[in-house]
Amino acid sequence: MNTFGNLALLLPLGILLPLAGERFRGLKRLLLIALCLSVSIETIQFVMRFFGNPRAVDIDDVIINTVGACLGYGVFKVFKKLLGQSREVSSYNQNG
């Protein structure tokens, strides 16, 4: 259950960040942003352990979060391609 939660945590980032602008549409940039964000989350959890937070810090969480963002990016690319094809078909039908 924890694995699916970590996978889903940054999945929306992979979909929404490319929608924010052209400069976020590359997989390398998205991967770097997701990795930095995930490491930041784990760092905060590590620091919070000194204040009584029982959350465990694990490198697997970083990897799975980053993979989740990449999966989200894949979803973005699939929908972008499908949307582009449907626009081509609708413009062909209107002109044809």
PDB file of N, CA and C in Angstrom:
ATOM      1  N   MET A   1       0.826  -1.188   0.000  1.00  0.00           N
ATOM      2  CA  MET A   1       0.000   0.000   0.000  1.00  0.00           C
ATOM      3  C   MET A   1       0.872   1.254   0.000  1.00  0.00           C
ATOM      4  N   ASN A   2       1.959   1.228   0.745  1.00  0.00           N
ATOM      5  CA  ASN A   2       2.868   2.359   0.796  1.00  0.00           C
ATOM      6  C   ASN A   2       3.498   2.631  -0.570  1.00  0.00           C
ATOM      7  N   THR A   3       3.785   1.568  -1.313  1.00  0.00           N
ATOM      8  CA  THR A   3       4.386   1.716  -2.636  1.00  0.00           C
ATOM      9  C   THR A   3       3.455   2.460  -3.581  1.00  0.00           C
ATOM     10  N   PHE A   4       2.175   2.095  -3.575  1.00  0.00           N
ATOM     11  CA  PHE A   4       1.210   2.762  -4.450  1.00  0.00           C
ATOM     12  C   PHE A   4       1.023   4.222  -4.046  1.00  0.00           C
ATOM     13  N   GLY A   5       1.062   4.493  -2.767  1.00  0.00           N
ATOM     14  CA  GLY A   5       0.963   5.868  -2.289  1.00  0.00           C
ATOM     15  C   GLY A   5       2.135   6.710  -2.755  1.00  0.00           C
ATOM     16  N   ASN A   6       3.337   6.144  -2.667  1.00  0.00           N
ATOM     17  CA  ASN A   6       4.522   6.858  -3.129  1.00  0.00           C
ATOM     18  C   ASN A   6       4.515   7.034  -4.644  1.00  0.00           C
ATOM     19  N   LEU A   7       4.004   6.046  -5.346  1.00  0.00           N
ATOM     20  CA  LEU A   7       3.907   6.140  -6.801  1.00  0.00           C
ATOM     21  C   LEU A   7       2.922   7.238  -7.201  1.00  0.00           C
ATOM     22  N   ALA A   8       1.820   7.315  -6.486  1.00  0.00           N
ATOM     23  CA  ALA A   8       0.774   8.292  -6.806  1.00  0.00           C
ATOM     24  C   ALA A   8       1.110   9.705  -6.324  1.00  0.00           C
ATOM     25  N   LEU A   9       2.050   9.833  -5.401  1.00  0.00           N
ATOM     26  CA  LEU A   9       2.340  11.135  -4.805  1.00  0.00           C
ATOM     27  C   LEU A   9       2.776  12.169  -5.841  1.00  0.00           C
ATOM     28  N   LEU A  10       3.701  11.821  -6.703  1.00  0.00           N
ATOM     29  CA  LEU A  10       4.203  12.776  -7.686  1.00  0.00           C
ATOM     30  C   LEU A  10       3.675  12.530  -9.096  1.00  0.00           C
ATOM     31  N   LEU A  11       2.796  11.572  -9.268  1.00  0.00           N
ATOM     32  CA  LEU A  11       2.205  11.313 -10.581  1.00  0.00           C
ATOM     33  C   LEU A  11       1.519  12.560 -11.142  1.00  0.00           C
ATOM     34  N   PRO A  12       0.742  13.301 -10.354  1.00  0.00           N
ATOM     35  CA  PRO A  12       0.131  14.529 -10.890  1.00  0.00           C
ATOM     36  C   PRO A  12       1.161  15.562 -11.347  1.00  0.00           C
ATOM     37  N   LEU A  13       2.325  15.578 -10.716  1.00  0.00           N
ATOM     38  CA  LEU A  13       3.384  16.504 -11.125  1.00  0.00           C
ATOM     39  C   LEU A  13       3.793  16.235 -12.571  1.00  0.00           C
ATOM     40  N   GLY A  14       3.875  14.969 -12.934  1.00  0.00           N
ATOM     41  CA  GLY A  14       4.257  14.602 -14.291  1.00  0.00           C
ATOM     42  C   GLY A  14       3.228  14.984 -15.330  1.00  0.00           C
ATOM     43  N   ILE A  15       1.989  15.136 -14.913  1.00  0.00           N
ATOM     44  CA  ILE A  15       0.923  15.547 -15.826  1.00  0.00           C
ATOM     45  C   ILE A  15       0.798  17.068 -15.852  1.00  0.00           C
ATOM     46  N   LEU A  16       0.810  17.683 -14.690  1.00  0.00           N
ATOM     47  CA  LEU A  16       0.511  19.113 -14.586  1.00  0.00           C
ATOM     48  C   LEU A  16       1.701  20.025 -14.886  1.00  0.00           C
ATOM     49  N   LEU A  17       2.901  19.609 -14.544  1.00  0.00           N
ATOM     50  CA  LEU A  17       4.057  20.469 -14.769  1.00  0.00           C
ATOM     51  C   LEU A  17       4.277  20.771 -16.256  1.00  0.00           C
ATOM     52  N   PRO A  18       4.170  19.790 -17.153  1.00  0.00           N
ATOM     53  CA  PRO A  18       4.304  20.124 -18.574  1.00  0.00           C
ATOM     54  C   PRO A  18       3.201  21.064 -19.081  1.00  0.00           C
ATOM     55  N   LEU A  19       2.060  21.053 -18.434  1.00  0.00           N
ATOM     56  CA  LEU A  19       0.996  21.969 -18.820  1.00  0.00           C
ATOM     57  C   LEU A  19       1.292  23.407 -18.395  1.00  0.00           C
ATOM     58  N   ALA A  20       2.215  23.570 -17.442  1.00  0.00           N
ATOM     59  CA  ALA A  20       2.547  24.899 -16.924  1.00  0.00           C
ATOM     60  C   ALA A  20       3.392  25.702 -17.913  1.00  0.00           C
ATOM     61  N   GLY A  21       4.076  25.042 -18.822  1.00  0.00           N
ATOM     62  CA  GLY A  21       4.873  25.788 -19.785  1.00  0.00           C
ATOM     63  C   GLY A  21       5.785  24.899 -20.598  1.00  0.00           C
ATOM     64  N   GLU A  22       6.258  25.457 -21.694  1.00  0.00           N
ATOM     65  CA  GLU A  22       7.131  24.720 -22.618  1.00  0.00           C
ATOM     66  C   GLU A  22       8.424  24.250 -21.954  1.00  0.00           C
ATOM     67  N   ARG A  23       8.947  25.048 -21.040  1.00  0.00           N
ATOM     68  CA  ARG A  23      10.246  24.698 -20.462  1.00  0.00           C
ATOM     69  C   ARG A  23      10.195  23.473 -19.553  1.00  0.00           C
ATOM     70  N   PHE A  24       8.995  23.022 -19.191  1.00  0.00           N
ATOM     71  CA  PHE A  24       8.848  21.841 -18.346  1.00  0.00           C
ATOM     72  C   PHE A  24       8.424  20.613 -19.136  1.00  0.00           C
ATOM     73  N   ARG A  25       8.492  20.664 -20.460  1.00  0.00           N
ATOM     74  CA  ARG A  25       7.987  19.564 -21.274  1.00  0.00           C
ATOM     75  C   ARG A  25       9.026  18.504 -21.585  1.00  0.00           C
ATOM     76  N   GLY A  26      10.244  18.671 -21.159  1.00  0.00           N
ATOM     77  CA  GLY A  26      11.269  17.658 -21.402  1.00  0.00           C
ATOM     78  C   GLY A  26      11.308  16.653 -20.259  1.00  0.00           C
ATOM     79  N   LEU A  27      11.544  15.395 -20.600  1.00  0.00           N
ATOM     80  CA  LEU A  27      11.581  14.346 -19.587  1.00  0.00           C
ATOM     81  C   LEU A  27      12.755  14.542 -18.628  1.00  0.00           C
ATOM     82  N   LYS A  28      13.902  14.972 -19.134  1.00  0.00           N
ATOM     83  CA  LYS A  28      15.065  15.159 -18.258  1.00  0.00           C
ATOM     84  C   LYS A  28      14.790  16.220 -17.200  1.00  0.00           C
ATOM     85  N   ARG A  29      14.205  17.327 -17.620  1.00  0.00           N
ATOM     86  CA  ARG A  29      13.924  18.402 -16.671  1.00  0.00           C
ATOM     87  C   ARG A  29      12.893  17.945 -15.642  1.00  0.00           C
ATOM     88  N   LEU A  30      11.849  17.262 -16.101  1.00  0.00           N
ATOM     89  CA  LEU A  30      10.832  16.757 -15.190  1.00  0.00           C
ATOM     90  C   LEU A  30      11.432  15.754 -14.211  1.00  0.00           C
ATOM     91  N   LEU A  31      12.297  14.886 -14.701  1.00  0.00           N
ATOM     92  CA  LEU A  31      12.962  13.900 -13.850  1.00  0.00           C
ATOM     93  C   LEU A  31      13.793  14.586 -12.769  1.00  0.00           C
ATOM     94  N   LEU A  32      14.520  15.623 -13.143  1.00  0.00           N
ATOM     95  CA  LEU A  32      15.342  16.353 -12.182  1.00  0.00           C
ATOM     96  C   LEU A  32      14.476  17.063 -11.130  1.00  0.00           C
ATOM     97  N   ILE A  33      13.398  17.696 -11.566  1.00  0.00           N
ATOM     98  CA  ILE A  33      12.506  18.381 -10.632  1.00  0.00           C
ATOM     99  C   ILE A  33      11.859  17.380  -9.676  1.00  0.00           C
ATOM    100  N   ALA A  34      11.387  16.263 -10.209  1.00  0.00           N
ATOM    101  CA  ALA A  34      10.750  15.241  -9.364  1.00  0.00           C
ATOM    102  C   ALA A  34      11.745  14.659  -8.372  1.00  0.00           C
ATOM    103  N   LEU A  35      12.962  14.418  -8.826  1.00  0.00           N
ATOM    104  CA  LEU A  35      13.999  13.883  -7.940  1.00  0.00           C
ATOM    105  C   LEU A  35      14.309  14.869  -6.813  1.00  0.00           C
ATOM    106  N   CYS A  36      14.476  16.133  -7.156  1.00  0.00           N
ATOM    107  CA  CYS A  36      14.766  17.155  -6.131  1.00  0.00           C
ATOM    108  C   CYS A  36      13.614  17.297  -5.144  1.00  0.00           C
ATOM    109  N   LEU A  37      12.396  17.277  -5.650  1.00  0.00           N
ATOM    110  CA  LEU A  37      11.230  17.389  -4.771  1.00  0.00           C
ATOM    111  C   LEU A  37      11.136  16.190  -3.837  1.00  0.00           C
ATOM    112  N   SER A  38      11.358  14.999  -4.369  1.00  0.00           N
ATOM    113  CA  SER A  38      11.285  13.795  -3.555  1.00  0.00           C
ATOM    114  C   SER A  38      12.386  13.758  -2.494  1.00  0.00           C
ATOM    115  N   VAL A  39      13.591  14.158  -2.868  1.00  0.00           N
ATOM    116  CA  VAL A  39      14.689  14.225  -1.895  1.00  0.00           C
ATOM    117  C   VAL A  39      14.370  15.254  -0.819  1.00  0.00           C
ATOM    118  N   SER A  40      13.762  16.361  -1.214  1.00  0.00           N
ATOM    119  CA  SER A  40      13.368  17.383  -0.234  1.00  0.00           C
ATOM    120  C   SER A  40      12.352  16.841   0.755  1.00  0.00           C
ATOM    121  N   ILE A  41      11.382  16.089   0.270  1.00  0.00           N
ATOM    122  CA  ILE A  41      10.368  15.492   1.146  1.00  0.00           C
ATOM    123  C   ILE A  41      11.027  14.545   2.146  1.00  0.00           C
ATOM    124  N   GLU A  42      11.917  13.697   1.655  1.00  0.00           N
ATOM    125  CA  GLU A  42      12.596  12.750   2.539  1.00  0.00           C
ATOM    126  C   GLU A  42      13.508  13.467   3.537  1.00  0.00           C
ATOM    127  N   THR A  43      14.140  14.550   3.111  1.00  0.00           N
ATOM    128  CA  THR A  43      14.988  15.334   4.024  1.00  0.00           C
ATOM    129  C   THR A  43      14.162  15.950   5.137  1.00  0.00           C
ATOM    130  N   ILE A  44      13.007  16.483   4.785  1.00  0.00           N
ATOM    131  CA  ILE A  44      12.108  17.044   5.801  1.00  0.00           C
ATOM    132  C   ILE A  44      11.655  15.957   6.772  1.00  0.00           C
ATOM    133  N   GLN A  45      11.334  14.773   6.258  1.00  0.00           N
ATOM    134  CA  GLN A  45      10.946  13.669   7.134  1.00  0.00           C
ATOM    135  C   GLN A  45      12.096  13.285   8.061  1.00  0.00           C
ATOM    136  N   PHE A  46      13.320  13.316   7.542  1.00  0.00           N
ATOM    137  CA  PHE A  46      14.482  12.992   8.378  1.00  0.00           C
ATOM    138  C   PHE A  46      14.636  14.010   9.504  1.00  0.00           C
ATOM    139  N   VAL A  47      14.526  15.274   9.182  1.00  0.00           N
ATOM    140  CA  VAL A  47      14.662  16.325  10.193  1.00  0.00           C
ATOM    141  C   VAL A  47      13.527  16.233  11.216  1.00  0.00           C
ATOM    142  N   MET A  48      12.334  15.935  10.743  1.00  0.00           N
ATOM    143  CA  MET A  48      11.174  15.854  11.647  1.00  0.00           C
ATOM    144  C   MET A  48      11.276  14.684  12.617  1.00  0.00           C
ATOM    145  N   ARG A  49      12.114  13.704  12.333  1.00  0.00           N
ATOM    146  CA  ARG A  49      12.318  12.586  13.277  1.00  0.00           C
ATOM    147  C   ARG A  49      12.875  13.085  14.602  1.00  0.00           C
ATOM    148  N   PHE A  50      13.641  14.163  14.559  1.00  0.00           N
ATOM    149  CA  PHE A  50      14.208  14.723  15.785  1.00  0.00           C
ATOM    150  C   PHE A  50      13.167  15.450  16.628  1.00  0.00           C
ATOM    151  N   PHE A  51      11.991  15.683  16.033  1.00  0.00           N
ATOM    152  CA  PHE A  51      10.901  16.353  16.740  1.00  0.00           C
ATOM    153  C   PHE A  51       9.756  15.398  17.051  1.00  0.00           C
ATOM    154  N   GLY A  52      10.020  14.102  16.955  1.00  0.00           N
ATOM    155  CA  GLY A  52       9.034  13.106  17.359  1.00  0.00           C
ATOM    156  C   GLY A  52       8.191  12.517  16.247  1.00  0.00           C
ATOM    157  N   ASN A  53       8.442  12.882  15.005  1.00  0.00           N
ATOM    158  CA  ASN A  53       7.690  12.312  13.886  1.00  0.00           C
ATOM    159  C   ASN A  53       8.240  10.915  13.592  1.00  0.00           C
ATOM    160  N   PRO A  54       7.401   9.879  13.628  1.00  0.00           N
ATOM    161  CA  PRO A  54       7.903   8.508  13.455  1.00  0.00           C
ATOM    162  C   PRO A  54       8.090   8.073  12.002  1.00  0.00           C
ATOM    163  N   ARG A  55       7.961   8.972  11.033  1.00  0.00           N
ATOM    164  CA  ARG A  55       8.082   8.586   9.630  1.00  0.00           C
ATOM    165  C   ARG A  55       9.494   8.079   9.319  1.00  0.00           C
ATOM    166  N   ALA A  56       9.546   7.000   8.561  1.00  0.00           N
ATOM    167  CA  ALA A  56      10.832   6.430   8.160  1.00  0.00           C
ATOM    168  C   ALA A  56      11.338   7.130   6.906  1.00  0.00           C
ATOM    169  N   VAL A  57      12.629   7.243   6.794  1.00  0.00           N
ATOM    170  CA  VAL A  57      13.272   7.821   5.623  1.00  0.00           C
ATOM    171  C   VAL A  57      13.851   6.670   4.814  1.00  0.00           C
ATOM    172  N   ASP A  58      13.525   6.638   3.501  1.00  0.00           N
ATOM    173  CA  ASP A  58      13.937   5.503   2.689  1.00  0.00           C
ATOM    174  C   ASP A  58      14.250   5.960   1.271  1.00  0.00           C
ATOM    175  N   ILE A  59      15.350   5.507   0.731  1.00  0.00           N
ATOM    176  CA  ILE A  59      15.729   5.854  -0.644  1.00  0.00           C
ATOM    177  C   ILE A  59      14.737   5.272  -1.643  1.00  0.00           C
ATOM    178  N   ASP A  60      14.103   4.154  -1.282  1.00  0.00           N
ATOM    179  CA  ASP A  60      13.088   3.567  -2.161  1.00  0.00           C
ATOM    180  C   ASP A  60      11.946   4.538  -2.414  1.00  0.00           C
ATOM    181  N   ASP A  61      11.588   5.337  -1.412  1.00  0.00           N
ATOM    182  CA  ASP A  61      10.529   6.334  -1.584  1.00  0.00           C
ATOM    183  C   ASP A  61      10.928   7.358  -2.641  1.00  0.00           C
ATOM    184  N   VAL A  62      12.181   7.764  -2.627  1.00  0.00           N
ATOM    185  CA  VAL A  62      12.671   8.728  -3.615  1.00  0.00           C
ATOM    186  C   VAL A  62      12.562   8.141  -5.017  1.00  0.00           C
ATOM    187  N   ILE A  63      12.982   6.898  -5.165  1.00  0.00           N
ATOM    188  CA  ILE A  63      12.948   6.246  -6.469  1.00  0.00           C
ATOM    189  C   ILE A  63      11.509   6.084  -6.951  1.00  0.00           C
ATOM    190  N   ILE A  64      10.626   5.603  -6.092  1.00  0.00           N
ATOM    191  CA  ILE A  64       9.240   5.363  -6.490  1.00  0.00           C
ATOM    192  C   ILE A  64       8.515   6.671  -6.770  1.00  0.00           C
ATOM    193  N   ASN A  65       8.764   7.710  -5.985  1.00  0.00           N
ATOM    194  CA  ASN A  65       8.163   9.014  -6.258  1.00  0.00           C
ATOM    195  C   ASN A  65       8.584   9.530  -7.629  1.00  0.00           C
ATOM    196  N   THR A  66       9.866   9.389  -7.950  1.00  0.00           N
ATOM    197  CA  THR A  66      10.381   9.860  -9.230  1.00  0.00           C
ATOM    198  C   THR A  66       9.796   9.054 -10.378  1.00  0.00           C
ATOM    199  N   VAL A  67       9.667   7.756 -10.198  1.00  0.00           N
ATOM    200  CA  VAL A  67       9.037   6.915 -11.218  1.00  0.00           C
ATOM    201  C   VAL A  67       7.572   7.324 -11.408  1.00  0.00           C
ATOM    202  N   GLY A  68       6.895   7.658 -10.331  1.00  0.00           N
ATOM    203  CA  GLY A  68       5.511   8.120 -10.426  1.00  0.00           C
ATOM    204  C   GLY A  68       5.387   9.378 -11.265  1.00  0.00           C
ATOM    205  N   ALA A  69       6.307  10.321 -11.089  1.00  0.00           N
ATOM    206  CA  ALA A  69       6.298  11.543 -11.899  1.00  0.00           C
ATOM    207  C   ALA A  69       6.547  11.216 -13.367  1.00  0.00           C
ATOM    208  N   CYS A  70       7.442  10.273 -13.624  1.00  0.00           N
ATOM    209  CA  CYS A  70       7.713   9.869 -15.006  1.00  0.00           C
ATOM    210  C   CYS A  70       6.504   9.178 -15.631  1.00  0.00           C
ATOM    211  N   LEU A  71       5.795   8.379 -14.852  1.00  0.00           N
ATOM    212  CA  LEU A  71       4.558   7.766 -15.352  1.00  0.00           C
ATOM    213  C   LEU A  71       3.526   8.843 -15.680  1.00  0.00           C
ATOM    214  N   GLY A  72       3.431   9.836 -14.821  1.00  0.00           N
ATOM    215  CA  GLY A  72       2.530  10.953 -15.091  1.00  0.00           C
ATOM    216  C   GLY A  72       2.908  11.667 -16.377  1.00  0.00           C
ATOM    217  N   TYR A  73       4.197  11.827 -16.621  1.00  0.00           N
ATOM    218  CA  TYR A  73       4.663  12.439 -17.854  1.00  0.00           C
ATOM    219  C   TYR A  73       4.265  11.581 -19.062  1.00  0.00           C
ATOM    220  N   GLY A  74       4.343  10.270 -18.898  1.00  0.00           N
ATOM    221  CA  GLY A  74       3.898   9.372 -19.966  1.00  0.00           C
ATOM    222  C   GLY A  74       2.417   9.531 -20.257  1.00  0.00           C
ATOM    223  N   VAL A  75       1.619   9.673 -19.213  1.00  0.00           N
ATOM    224  CA  VAL A  75       0.182   9.917 -19.381  1.00  0.00           C
ATOM    225  C   VAL A  75      -0.029  11.229 -20.127  1.00  0.00           C
ATOM    226  N   PHE A  76       0.724  12.268 -19.746  1.00  0.00           N
ATOM    227  CA  PHE A  76       0.635  13.563 -20.431  1.00  0.00           C
ATOM    228  C   PHE A  76       0.931  13.412 -21.916  1.00  0.00           C
ATOM    229  N   LYS A  77       2.008  12.701 -22.257  1.00  0.00           N
ATOM    230  CA  LYS A  77       2.401  12.531 -23.655  1.00  0.00           C
ATOM    231  C   LYS A  77       1.353  11.753 -24.450  1.00  0.00           C
ATOM    232  N   VAL A  78       0.768  10.723 -23.840  1.00  0.00           N
ATOM    233  CA  VAL A  78      -0.262   9.936 -24.527  1.00  0.00           C
ATOM    234  C   VAL A  78      -1.482  10.799 -24.811  1.00  0.00           C
ATOM    235  N   PHE A  79      -1.944  11.552 -23.812  1.00  0.00           N
ATOM    236  CA  PHE A  79      -3.112  12.401 -24.017  1.00  0.00           C
ATOM    237  C   PHE A  79      -2.817  13.527 -25.010  1.00  0.00           C
ATOM    238  N   LYS A  80      -1.605  14.057 -24.980  1.00  0.00           N
ATOM    239  CA  LYS A  80      -1.231  15.096 -25.933  1.00  0.00           C
ATOM    240  C   LYS A  80      -1.274  14.549 -27.353  1.00  0.00           C
ATOM    241  N   LYS A  81      -0.771  13.334 -27.531  1.00  0.00           N
ATOM    242  CA  LYS A  81      -0.786  12.715 -28.858  1.00  0.00           C
ATOM    243  C   LYS A  81      -2.215  12.420 -29.305  1.00  0.00           C
ATOM    244  N   LEU A  82      -3.028  11.881 -28.404  1.00  0.00           N
ATOM    245  CA  LEU A  82      -4.420  11.595 -28.750  1.00  0.00           C
ATOM    246  C   LEU A  82      -5.192  12.866 -29.067  1.00  0.00           C
ATOM    247  N   LEU A  83      -4.949  13.908 -28.305  1.00  0.00           N
ATOM    248  CA  LEU A  83      -5.620  15.180 -28.542  1.00  0.00           C
ATOM    249  C   LEU A  83      -5.193  15.765 -29.877  1.00  0.00           C
ATOM    250  N   GLY A  84      -3.931  15.652 -30.206  1.00  0.00           N
ATOM    251  CA  GLY A  84      -3.436  16.139 -31.498  1.00  0.00           C
ATOM    252  C   GLY A  84      -4.049  15.391 -32.657  1.00  0.00           C
ATOM    253  N   GLN A  85      -4.195  14.074 -32.514  1.00  0.00           N
ATOM    254  CA  GLN A  85      -4.808  13.274 -33.571  1.00  0.00           C
ATOM    255  C   GLN A  85      -6.274  13.607 -33.721  1.00  0.00           C
ATOM    256  N   SER A  86      -6.983  13.826 -32.625  1.00  0.00           N
ATOM    257  CA  SER A  86      -8.408  14.129 -32.719  1.00  0.00           C
ATOM    258  C   SER A  86      -8.625  15.503 -33.342  1.00  0.00           C
ATOM    259  N   ARG A  87      -7.709  16.451 -33.103  1.00  0.00           N
ATOM    260  CA  ARG A  87      -7.813  17.769 -33.743  1.00  0.00           C
ATOM    261  C   ARG A  87      -7.573  17.659 -35.239  1.00  0.00           C
ATOM    262  N   GLU A  88      -6.627  16.798 -35.642  1.00  0.00           N
ATOM    263  CA  GLU A  88      -6.370  16.606 -37.064  1.00  0.00           C
ATOM    264  C   GLU A  88      -7.579  15.994 -37.738  1.00  0.00           C
ATOM    265  N   VAL A  89      -8.209  15.012 -37.108  1.00  0.00           N
ATOM    266  CA  VAL A  89      -9.381  14.350 -37.685  1.00  0.00           C
ATOM    267  C   VAL A  89     -10.540  15.337 -37.777  1.00  0.00           C
ATOM    268  N   SER A  90     -10.778  16.134 -36.721  1.00  0.00           N
ATOM    269  CA  SER A  90     -11.905  17.073 -36.734  1.00  0.00           C
ATOM    270  C   SER A  90     -11.672  18.172 -37.761  1.00  0.00           C
ATOM    271  N   SER A  91     -10.434  18.650 -37.931  1.00  0.00           N
ATOM    272  CA  SER A  91     -10.185  19.681 -38.936  1.00  0.00           C
ATOM    273  C   SER A  91     -10.299  19.084 -40.344  1.00  0.00           C
ATOM    274  N   TYR A  92      -9.935  17.824 -40.525  1.00  0.00           N
ATOM    275  CA  TYR A  92     -10.083  17.164 -41.807  1.00  0.00           C
ATOM    276  C   TYR A  92     -11.563  17.012 -42.156  1.00  0.00           C
ATOM    277  N   ASN A  93     -12.376  16.621 -41.163  1.00  0.00           N
ATOM    278  CA  ASN A  93     -13.813  16.461 -41.397  1.00  0.00           C
ATOM    279  C   ASN A  93     -14.476  17.789 -41.714  1.00  0.00           C
ATOM    280  N   GLN A  94     -14.034  18.872 -41.114  1.00  0.00           N
ATOM    281  CA  GLN A  94     -14.630  20.176 -41.364  1.00  0.00           C
ATOM    282  C   GLN A  94     -14.226  20.708 -42.737  1.00  0.00           C
ATOM    283  N   ASN A  95     -13.011  20.400 -43.171  1.00  0.00           N
ATOM    284  CA  ASN A  95     -12.534  20.882 -44.454  1.00  0.00           C
ATOM    285  C   ASN A  95     -12.903  19.945 -45.590  1.00  0.00           C
ATOM    286  N   GLY A  96     -13.154  18.682 -45.286  1.00  0.00           N
ATOM    287  CA  GLY A  96     -13.385  17.657 -46.301  1.00  0.00           C
ATOM    288  C   GLY A  96     -14.754  17.603 -46.747  1.00  0.00           C
TER     289      GLY A  96
END
